C-alpha atoms as a PDB file:
ATOM      1  CA  MET A   1     -34.363 -87.920  71.308  1.00  0.00           C
ATOM      2  CA  ASN A   2     -35.843 -84.636  70.064  1.00  0.00           C
ATOM      3  CA  SER A   3     -32.791 -82.375  70.212  1.00  0.00           C
ATOM      4  CA  ILE A   4     -29.029 -82.528  69.946  1.00  0.00           C
ATOM      5  CA  GLU A   5     -26.015 -80.262  70.346  1.00  0.00           C
ATOM      6  CA  ILE A   6     -23.448 -80.940  67.670  1.00  0.00           C
ATOM      7  CA  GLU A   7     -20.336 -79.465  66.081  1.00  0.00           C
ATOM      8  CA  GLY A   8     -19.199 -79.158  62.470  1.00  0.00           C
ATOM      9  CA  LYS A   9     -16.515 -77.473  60.401  1.00  0.00           C
ATOM     10  CA  THR A  10     -19.236 -75.487  58.625  1.00  0.00           C
ATOM     11  CA  TYR A  11     -22.857 -74.594  59.317  1.00  0.00           C
ATOM     12  CA  GLU A  12     -23.988 -76.964  56.541  1.00  0.00           C
ATOM     13  CA  GLU A  13     -21.952 -79.857  57.981  1.00  0.00           C
ATOM     14  CA  ALA A  14     -23.363 -79.308  61.474  1.00  0.00           C
ATOM     15  CA  ILE A  15     -26.935 -79.226  60.126  1.00  0.00           C
ATOM     16  CA  LYS A  16     -26.338 -82.429  58.156  1.00  0.00           C
ATOM     17  CA  LYS A  17     -24.949 -84.218  61.221  1.00  0.00           C
ATOM     18  CA  ALA A  18     -27.935 -83.126  63.306  1.00  0.00           C
ATOM     19  CA  SER A  19     -30.366 -84.244  60.603  1.00  0.00           C
ATOM     20  CA  GLU A  20     -28.777 -87.695  60.437  1.00  0.00           C
ATOM     21  CA  ALA A  21     -28.579 -88.036  64.223  1.00  0.00           C
ATOM     22  CA  LEU A  22     -32.247 -87.110  64.712  1.00  0.00           C
ATOM     23  CA  ASN A  23     -33.327 -88.997  61.564  1.00  0.00           C
ATOM     24  CA  VAL A  24     -35.321 -86.099  60.085  1.00  0.00           C
ATOM     25  CA  GLU A  25     -35.023 -83.812  57.073  1.00  0.00           C
ATOM     26  CA  GLU A  26     -32.989 -80.629  57.543  1.00  0.00           C
ATOM     27  CA  ARG A  27     -36.068 -78.488  56.890  1.00  0.00           C
ATOM     28  CA  ASP A  28     -37.765 -80.117  59.914  1.00  0.00           C
ATOM     29  CA  LEU A  29     -35.179 -78.724  62.354  1.00  0.00           C
ATOM     30  CA  ASP A  30     -35.145 -75.584  64.464  1.00  0.00           C
ATOM     31  CA  VAL A  31     -31.528 -74.494  64.821  1.00  0.00           C
ATOM     32  CA  ASP A  32     -29.775 -72.289  67.353  1.00  0.00           C
ATOM     33  CA  VAL A  33     -26.141 -71.329  66.708  1.00  0.00           C
ATOM     34  CA  LYS A  34     -24.374 -71.730  70.045  1.00  0.00           C
ATOM     35  CA  GLU A  35     -20.746 -71.032  69.213  1.00  0.00           C
ATOM     36  CA  VAL A  36     -18.612 -69.999  66.247  1.00  0.00           C
ATOM     37  CA  ASP A  37     -14.872 -70.494  66.547  1.00  0.00           C
ATOM     38  CA  THR A  38     -12.931 -68.620  63.852  1.00  0.00           C
ATOM     39  CA  LYS A  39      -9.248 -67.829  63.596  1.00  0.00           C
ATOM     40  CA  GLY A  40      -7.806 -64.892  61.716  1.00  0.00           C
ATOM     41  CA  ILE A  41      -9.573 -62.070  59.922  1.00  0.00           C
ATOM     42  CA  LEU A  42     -13.065 -63.188  58.901  1.00  0.00           C
ATOM     43  CA  GLY A  43     -11.949 -66.747  59.606  1.00  0.00           C
ATOM     44  CA  LEU A  44      -9.609 -66.815  56.617  1.00  0.00           C
ATOM     45  CA  LEU A  45      -6.317 -67.461  58.355  1.00  0.00           C
ATOM     46  CA  GLY A  46      -7.215 -70.700  60.083  1.00  0.00           C
ATOM     47  CA  SER A  47      -9.801 -73.381  60.617  1.00  0.00           C
ATOM     48  CA  LYS A  48     -13.428 -72.717  61.470  1.00  0.00           C
ATOM     49  CA  LYS A  49     -15.907 -74.679  63.493  1.00  0.00           C
ATOM     50  CA  ILE A  50     -19.465 -74.128  64.604  1.00  0.00           C
ATOM     51  CA  ARG A  51     -21.587 -75.628  67.375  1.00  0.00           C
ATOM     52  CA  ILE A  52     -25.371 -75.702  67.088  1.00  0.00           C
ATOM     53  CA  THR A  53     -28.355 -76.970  69.001  1.00  0.00           C
ATOM     54  CA  ALA A  54     -30.890 -78.592  66.686  1.00  0.00           C
ATOM     55  CA  ARG A  55     -34.416 -79.506  67.721  1.00  0.00           C
ATOM     56  CA  ILE A  56     -37.164 -81.243  65.786  1.00  0.00           C
ATOM     57  CA  LYS A  57     -39.844 -78.683  64.948  1.00  0.00           C
ATOM     58  CA  GLY A  58     -42.938 -78.939  67.117  1.00  0.00           C
ATOM     59  CA  THR A  59     -41.107 -80.393  70.116  1.00  0.00           C
ATOM     60  CA  ALA A  60     -40.458 -78.510  73.335  1.00  0.00           C
ATOM     61  CA  SER A  61     -37.069 -76.984  74.002  1.00  0.00           C
ATOM     62  CA  PRO A  62     -35.360 -78.560  77.052  1.00  0.00           C
ATOM     63  CA  VAL A  63     -34.285 -75.089  78.184  1.00  0.00           C
ATOM     64  CA  ALA A  64     -37.804 -73.717  77.829  1.00  0.00           C
ATOM     65  CA  GLU A  65     -39.265 -76.582  79.887  1.00  0.00           C
ATOM     66  CA  ASP A  66     -37.013 -75.758  82.847  1.00  0.00           C
ATOM     67  CA  LYS A  67     -37.617 -72.007  82.722  1.00  0.00           C
ATOM     68  CA  PRO A  68     -40.536 -70.817  84.876  1.00  0.00           C
ATOM     69  CA  VAL A  69     -43.152 -68.705  83.126  1.00  0.00           C
ATOM     70  CA  SER A  70     -45.111 -66.049  84.982  1.00  0.00           C
ATOM     71  CA  GLU A  71     -48.873 -66.559  85.170  1.00  0.00           C
ATOM     72  CA  ASN A  72     -49.317 -63.116  83.644  1.00  0.00           C
ATOM     73  CA  THR A  73     -47.027 -63.884  80.724  1.00  0.00           C
ATOM     74  CA  ILE A  74     -48.678 -64.955  77.496  1.00  0.00           C
ATOM     75  CA  VAL A  75     -46.344 -66.796  75.142  1.00  0.00           C
ATOM     76  CA  PRO A  76     -47.963 -67.184  71.719  1.00  0.00           C
ATOM     77  CA  GLU A  77     -47.239 -70.416  69.912  1.00  0.00           C
ATOM     78  CA  ASP A  78     -44.642 -70.100  67.123  1.00  0.00           C
ATOM     79  CA  ALA A  79     -43.986 -66.474  68.097  1.00  0.00           C
ATOM     80  CA  PRO A  80     -41.452 -64.823  65.752  1.00  0.00           C
ATOM     81  CA  VAL A  81     -38.078 -63.829  67.128  1.00  0.00           C
ATOM     82  CA  SER A  82     -38.607 -60.246  66.002  1.00  0.00           C
ATOM     83  CA  GLU A  83     -40.749 -58.210  63.649  1.00  0.00           C
ATOM     84  CA  ASP A  84     -38.006 -57.476  61.136  1.00  0.00           C
ATOM     85  CA  THR A  85     -37.321 -59.638  58.088  1.00  0.00           C
ATOM     86  CA  PRO A  86     -34.154 -61.535  57.090  1.00  0.00           C
ATOM     87  CA  GLU A  87     -33.734 -58.970  54.318  1.00  0.00           C
ATOM     88  CA  GLN A  88     -33.796 -56.068  56.792  1.00  0.00           C
ATOM     89  CA  TYR A  89     -31.664 -57.864  59.368  1.00  0.00           C
ATOM     90  CA  GLY A  90     -29.094 -58.904  56.761  1.00  0.00           C
ATOM     91  CA  THR A  91     -28.931 -55.391  55.329  1.00  0.00           C
ATOM     92  CA  LYS A  92     -28.289 -53.950  58.800  1.00  0.00           C
ATOM     93  CA  PHE A  93     -25.599 -56.559  59.479  1.00  0.00           C
ATOM     94  CA  LEU A  94     -23.755 -55.737  56.243  1.00  0.00           C
ATOM     95  CA  THR A  95     -24.161 -51.997  56.832  1.00  0.00           C
ATOM     96  CA  ASP A  96     -22.580 -52.383  60.274  1.00  0.00           C
ATOM     97  CA  VAL A  97     -19.660 -54.302  58.740  1.00  0.00           C
ATOM     98  CA  ALA A  98     -19.164 -51.513  56.193  1.00  0.00           C
ATOM     99  CA  THR A  99     -19.260 -48.860  58.915  1.00  0.00           C
ATOM    100  CA  ILE A 100     -16.600 -50.693  60.935  1.00  0.00           C
ATOM    101  CA  THR A 101     -14.290 -50.776  57.922  1.00  0.00           C
ATOM    102  CA  GLY A 102     -14.956 -47.156  56.960  1.00  0.00           C
ATOM    103  CA  LEU A 103     -16.784 -48.036  53.720  1.00  0.00           C
ATOM    104  CA  HIS A 104     -20.307 -47.364  52.486  1.00  0.00           C
ATOM    105  CA  PHE A 105     -22.468 -50.183  51.123  1.00  0.00           C
ATOM    106  CA  ASN A 106     -25.405 -49.577  48.795  1.00  0.00           C
ATOM    107  CA  ILE A 107     -27.372 -52.814  49.285  1.00  0.00           C
ATOM    108  CA  LYS A 108     -30.256 -54.209  47.264  1.00  0.00           C
ATOM    109  CA  VAL A 109     -31.908 -57.477  48.307  1.00  0.00           C
ATOM    110  CA  SER A 110     -33.869 -59.735  45.983  1.00  0.00           C
ATOM    111  CA  LYS A 111     -34.993 -63.343  45.859  1.00  0.00           C
ATOM    112  CA  ILE A 112     -33.142 -65.350  43.226  1.00  0.00           C
ATOM    113  CA  SER A 113     -36.176 -67.566  42.644  1.00  0.00           C
ATOM    114  CA  GLU A 114     -39.188 -68.761  44.574  1.00  0.00           C
ATOM    115  CA  LYS A 115     -38.134 -72.369  43.994  1.00  0.00           C
ATOM    116  CA  LEU A 116     -34.636 -71.911  45.448  1.00  0.00           C
ATOM    117  CA  ASP A 117     -35.880 -69.559  48.181  1.00  0.00           C
ATOM    118  CA  ARG A 118     -32.439 -67.933  48.224  1.00  0.00           C
ATOM    119  CA  LEU A 119     -31.867 -64.267  49.054  1.00  0.00           C
ATOM    120  CA  LEU A 120     -29.348 -62.267  47.036  1.00  0.00           C
ATOM    121  CA  PHE A 121     -27.658 -59.343  48.781  1.00  0.00           C
ATOM    122  CA  MET A 122     -26.211 -57.225  45.971  1.00  0.00           C
ATOM    123  CA  ILE A 123     -23.667 -54.683  47.237  1.00  0.00           C
ATOM    124  CA  GLN A 124     -22.342 -51.678  45.329  1.00  0.00           C
ATOM    125  CA  CYS A 125     -19.294 -50.132  46.960  1.00  0.00           C
ATOM    126  CA  ASP A 126     -16.321 -47.976  46.051  1.00  0.00           C
ATOM    127  CA  ASN A 127     -13.149 -49.906  46.903  1.00  0.00           C
ATOM    128  CA  GLY A 128     -15.297 -53.027  47.187  1.00  0.00           C
ATOM    129  CA  ASP A 129     -12.369 -55.171  46.029  1.00  0.00           C
ATOM    130  CA  VAL A 130     -11.116 -55.287  49.619  1.00  0.00           C
ATOM    131  CA  PHE A 131     -14.183 -57.427  50.402  1.00  0.00           C
ATOM    132  CA  VAL A 132     -13.604 -59.760  47.452  1.00  0.00           C
ATOM    133  CA  GLY A 133     -10.063 -61.048  47.920  1.00  0.00           C
ATOM    134  CA  LYS A 134      -8.281 -63.641  45.823  1.00  0.00           C
ATOM    135  CA  ASP A 135     -10.868 -65.629  43.851  1.00  0.00           C
ATOM    136  CA  GLY A 136     -13.575 -64.246  46.153  1.00  0.00           C
ATOM    137  CA  GLU A 137     -12.307 -65.818  49.374  1.00  0.00           C
ATOM    138  CA  ILE A 138     -13.082 -62.760  51.529  1.00  0.00           C
ATOM    139  CA  LEU A 139     -16.513 -62.437  49.911  1.00  0.00           C
ATOM    140  CA  GLU A 140     -17.181 -66.078  50.820  1.00  0.00           C
ATOM    141  CA  ALA A 141     -16.150 -65.387  54.418  1.00  0.00           C
ATOM    142  CA  LEU A 142     -18.480 -62.364  54.564  1.00  0.00           C
ATOM    143  CA  GLN A 143     -21.320 -64.466  53.173  1.00  0.00           C
ATOM    144  CA  TYR A 144     -20.562 -67.198  55.704  1.00  0.00           C
ATOM    145  CA  LEU A 145     -20.749 -64.756  58.603  1.00  0.00           C
ATOM    146  CA  LEU A 146     -24.009 -63.243  57.312  1.00  0.00           C
ATOM    147  CA  ARG A 147     -25.551 -66.710  56.974  1.00  0.00           C
ATOM    148  CA  LEU A 148     -24.585 -67.529  60.559  1.00  0.00           C
ATOM    149  CA  ALA A 149     -25.916 -64.207  61.853  1.00  0.00           C
ATOM    150  CA  ILE A 150     -29.306 -64.679  60.171  1.00  0.00           C
ATOM    151  CA  ALA A 151     -29.492 -68.323  61.254  1.00  0.00           C
ATOM    152  CA  LYS A 152     -28.744 -67.412  64.867  1.00  0.00           C
ATOM    153  CA  HIS A 153     -31.223 -64.530  64.881  1.00  0.00           C
ATOM    154  CA  TYR A 154     -34.108 -66.475  63.331  1.00  0.00           C
ATOM    155  CA  LYS A 155     -33.257 -69.906  64.758  1.00  0.00           C
ATOM    156  CA  GLN A 156     -33.327 -71.551  61.327  1.00  0.00           C
ATOM    157  CA  SER A 157     -31.049 -72.149  58.369  1.00  0.00           C
ATOM    158  CA  ALA A 158     -30.731 -69.422  55.755  1.00  0.00           C
ATOM    159  CA  LYS A 159     -30.055 -69.647  52.023  1.00  0.00           C
ATOM    160  CA  ILE A 160     -28.266 -66.482  50.971  1.00  0.00           C
ATOM    161  CA  LEU A 161     -25.867 -65.208  48.345  1.00  0.00           C
ATOM    162  CA  VAL A 162     -23.751 -62.075  48.723  1.00  0.00           C
ATOM    163  CA  ASP A 163     -22.232 -60.269  45.735  1.00  0.00           C
ATOM    164  CA  ILE A 164     -20.110 -57.117  45.513  1.00  0.00           C
ATOM    165  CA  ASN A 165     -19.899 -54.971  42.366  1.00  0.00           C
ATOM    166  CA  GLY A 166     -21.014 -57.878  40.166  1.00  0.00           C
ATOM    167  CA  PHE A 167     -18.016 -60.043  41.076  1.00  0.00           C
ATOM    168  CA  ARG A 168     -19.951 -63.310  40.951  1.00  0.00           C
ATOM    169  CA  GLU A 169     -21.165 -62.767  37.392  1.00  0.00           C
ATOM    170  CA  LYS A 170     -17.596 -62.019  36.292  1.00  0.00           C
ATOM    171  CA  ARG A 171     -16.381 -65.074  38.197  1.00  0.00           C
ATOM    172  CA  LYS A 172     -19.103 -67.199  36.594  1.00  0.00           C
ATOM    173  CA  LYS A 173     -17.978 -66.170  33.103  1.00  0.00           C
ATOM    174  CA  ALA A 174     -14.334 -66.924  33.949  1.00  0.00           C
ATOM    175  CA  LEU A 175     -15.223 -70.340  35.400  1.00  0.00           C
ATOM    176  CA  THR A 176     -17.386 -71.167  32.376  1.00  0.00           C
ATOM    177  CA  ILE A 177     -14.535 -70.365  29.971  1.00  0.00           C
ATOM    178  CA  MET A 178     -12.087 -72.402  32.072  1.00  0.00           C
ATOM    179  CA  ALA A 179     -14.448 -75.390  32.337  1.00  0.00           C
ATOM    180  CA  LYS A 180     -15.125 -75.431  28.581  1.00  0.00           C
ATOM    181  CA  ARG A 181     -11.396 -75.426  27.865  1.00  0.00           C
ATOM    182  CA  LEU A 182     -10.879 -78.361  30.234  1.00  0.00           C
ATOM    183  CA  ALA A 183     -13.816 -80.197  28.626  1.00  0.00           C
ATOM    184  CA  ASP A 184     -12.264 -79.691  25.176  1.00  0.00           C
ATOM    185  CA  ARG A 185      -9.042 -81.180  26.523  1.00  0.00           C
ATOM    186  CA  VAL A 186     -11.010 -84.136  27.900  1.00  0.00           C
ATOM    187  CA  ARG A 187     -12.571 -84.743  24.470  1.00  0.00           C
ATOM    188  CA  ARG A 188      -9.169 -84.578  22.740  1.00  0.00           C
ATOM    189  CA  THR A 189      -7.208 -86.760  25.155  1.00  0.00           C
ATOM    190  CA  GLY A 190      -9.834 -88.921  26.815  1.00  0.00           C
ATOM    191  CA  ARG A 191      -8.225 -88.075  30.154  1.00  0.00           C
ATOM    192  CA  ARG A 192      -9.956 -86.448  33.074  1.00  0.00           C
ATOM    193  CA  GLN A 193      -9.093 -82.875  34.055  1.00  0.00           C
ATOM    194  CA  THR A 194      -9.191 -81.237  37.486  1.00  0.00           C
ATOM    195  CA  THR A 195     -10.084 -77.674  38.457  1.00  0.00           C
ATOM    196  CA  ASP A 196      -8.568 -75.648  41.259  1.00  0.00           C
ATOM    197  CA  PRO A 197     -10.350 -75.909  44.651  1.00  0.00           C
ATOM    198  CA  LEU A 198     -13.763 -74.217  44.437  1.00  0.00           C
ATOM    199  CA  ASN A 199     -16.534 -73.311  46.855  1.00  0.00           C
ATOM    200  CA  PRO A 200     -20.019 -74.920  46.530  1.00  0.00           C
ATOM    201  CA  TYR A 201     -21.477 -72.035  44.478  1.00  0.00           C
ATOM    202  CA  GLU A 202     -18.623 -72.208  41.968  1.00  0.00           C
ATOM    203  CA  ARG A 203     -18.777 -75.995  41.721  1.00  0.00           C
ATOM    204  CA  ARG A 204     -22.510 -75.766  41.039  1.00  0.00           C
ATOM    205  CA  ILE A 205     -21.780 -73.512  38.054  1.00  0.00           C
ATOM    206  CA  ILE A 206     -19.615 -76.196  36.452  1.00  0.00           C
ATOM    207  CA  HIS A 207     -21.943 -79.087  37.285  1.00  0.00           C
ATOM    208  CA  THR A 208     -24.882 -77.171  35.781  1.00  0.00           C
ATOM    209  CA  LEU A 209     -22.871 -76.300  32.668  1.00  0.00           C
ATOM    210  CA  PHE A 210     -22.406 -79.990  31.784  1.00  0.00           C
ATOM    211  CA  LYS A 211     -25.598 -81.342  33.337  1.00  0.00           C
ATOM    212  CA  HIS A 212     -27.130 -82.327  29.988  1.00  0.00           C
ATOM    213  CA  ASN A 213     -23.878 -83.061  28.163  1.00  0.00           C
ATOM    214  CA  LYS A 214     -23.811 -86.723  27.103  1.00  0.00           C
ATOM    215  CA  ASN A 215     -20.050 -86.785  26.568  1.00  0.00           C
ATOM    216  CA  ILE A 216     -18.825 -85.042  29.717  1.00  0.00           C
ATOM    217  CA  ALA A 217     -19.313 -86.036  33.375  1.00  0.00           C
ATOM    218  CA  THR A 218     -18.439 -83.974  36.442  1.00  0.00           C
ATOM    219  CA  LYS A 219     -18.064 -84.745  40.120  1.00  0.00           C
ATOM    220  CA  SER A 220     -16.718 -82.996  43.195  1.00  0.00           C
ATOM    221  CA  GLU A 221     -13.715 -84.477  44.935  1.00  0.00           C
ATOM    222  CA  GLY A 222     -12.257 -83.629  48.327  1.00  0.00           C
ATOM    223  CA  ASP A 223     -13.290 -83.021  51.916  1.00  0.00           C
ATOM    224  CA  GLY A 224     -14.820 -80.013  53.578  1.00  0.00           C
ATOM    225  CA  HIS A 225     -16.299 -76.842  52.117  1.00  0.00           C
ATOM    226  CA  ILE A 226     -13.739 -76.333  49.336  1.00  0.00           C
ATOM    227  CA  LYS A 227     -13.402 -79.115  46.746  1.00  0.00           C
ATOM    228  CA  LYS A 228     -12.078 -79.676  43.240  1.00  0.00           C
ATOM    229  CA  VAL A 229     -14.278 -80.582  40.279  1.00  0.00           C
ATOM    230  CA  ILE A 230     -13.276 -83.564  38.154  1.00  0.00           C
ATOM    231  CA  ILE A 231     -14.243 -83.233  34.482  1.00  0.00           C
ATOM    232  CA  SER A 232     -14.034 -86.577  32.689  1.00  0.00           C
ATOM    233  CA  PRO A 233     -15.416 -88.528  29.724  1.00  0.00           C
ATOM    234  CA  SER A 234     -18.954 -89.720  30.355  1.00  0.00           C
ATOM    235  CA  SER A 235     -19.485 -93.456  30.763  1.00  0.00           C
ATOM    236  CA  ASN A 236     -22.091 -93.152  27.986  1.00  0.00           C
ATOM    237  CA  ARG A 237     -19.584 -91.655  25.603  1.00  0.00           C
ATOM    238  CA  PRO A 238     -18.741 -93.901  22.631  1.00  0.00           C
ATOM    239  CA  ALA A 239     -15.078 -94.957  22.732  1.00  0.00           C
ATOM    240  CA  ARG A 240     -12.732 -93.429  20.169  1.00  0.00           C
ATOM    241  CA  ALA A 241     -10.881 -95.681  17.788  1.00  0.00           C
ATOM    242  CA  GLY A 242      -7.611 -96.780  19.346  1.00  0.00           C
ATOM    243  CA  TYR A 243      -8.626 -95.579  22.809  1.00  0.00           C
ATOM    244  CA  ARG A 244      -9.938 -97.487  25.812  1.00  0.00           C
ATOM    245  CA  HIS A 245     -10.514 -96.195  29.322  1.00  0.00           C
ATOM    246  CA  GLY A 246      -7.623 -96.941  31.618  1.00  0.00           C
ATOM    247  CA  ASN A 247      -4.948 -97.232  28.911  1.00  0.00           C
ATOM    248  CA  ARG A 248      -3.681 -93.679  29.288  1.00  0.00           C
END
């Protein structure tokens, strides 16, 4: 089997399912987004699901095999979908969203790092708070839609990050302060502490913060896209006098 059509609650979940079903790495898949089912504004007021068709790179598409090709038509191998770039396409997508809502986006695109290969769409906008929402939930929905749009257009997964008026840096500082306070409580009491539900980007901030800490361990807990982070004493941490794990 070289291809599969599969459904997931998120784009990442669908890709993972396809990778496991076809027994290949995610980077070895060509992906076509077939259907996105969202409820509510920007998918915030209900569940979301996505259906994709994934095909192992280098194998023929079943649809393409059945479609007749004219003798005069030359189809170059690995022909790009279009001549524009993900940066240009993403900028146009976000500009169109702004126009629909009556706002103006000033957008700058940069690559966070060559290693991560992640594009950052930095938006400056008057009244940009309407696209942030509580704890950035609307911003996450906007980023989700942009990721799907780029993935569908280029037939491959996209690593992107969208920020508005520096919200993510402010959020990062707030999460760092919160996580350090919880870690201090863990050190004092020996009991694990739990954060509020966080998206993957926010959870990564906390995991990275304690990555090299010998006394504190972190792990994500929960199902789906949004999970809590558990901050607890590390198993390598020397036990305090009068305290043993499991007694409190």
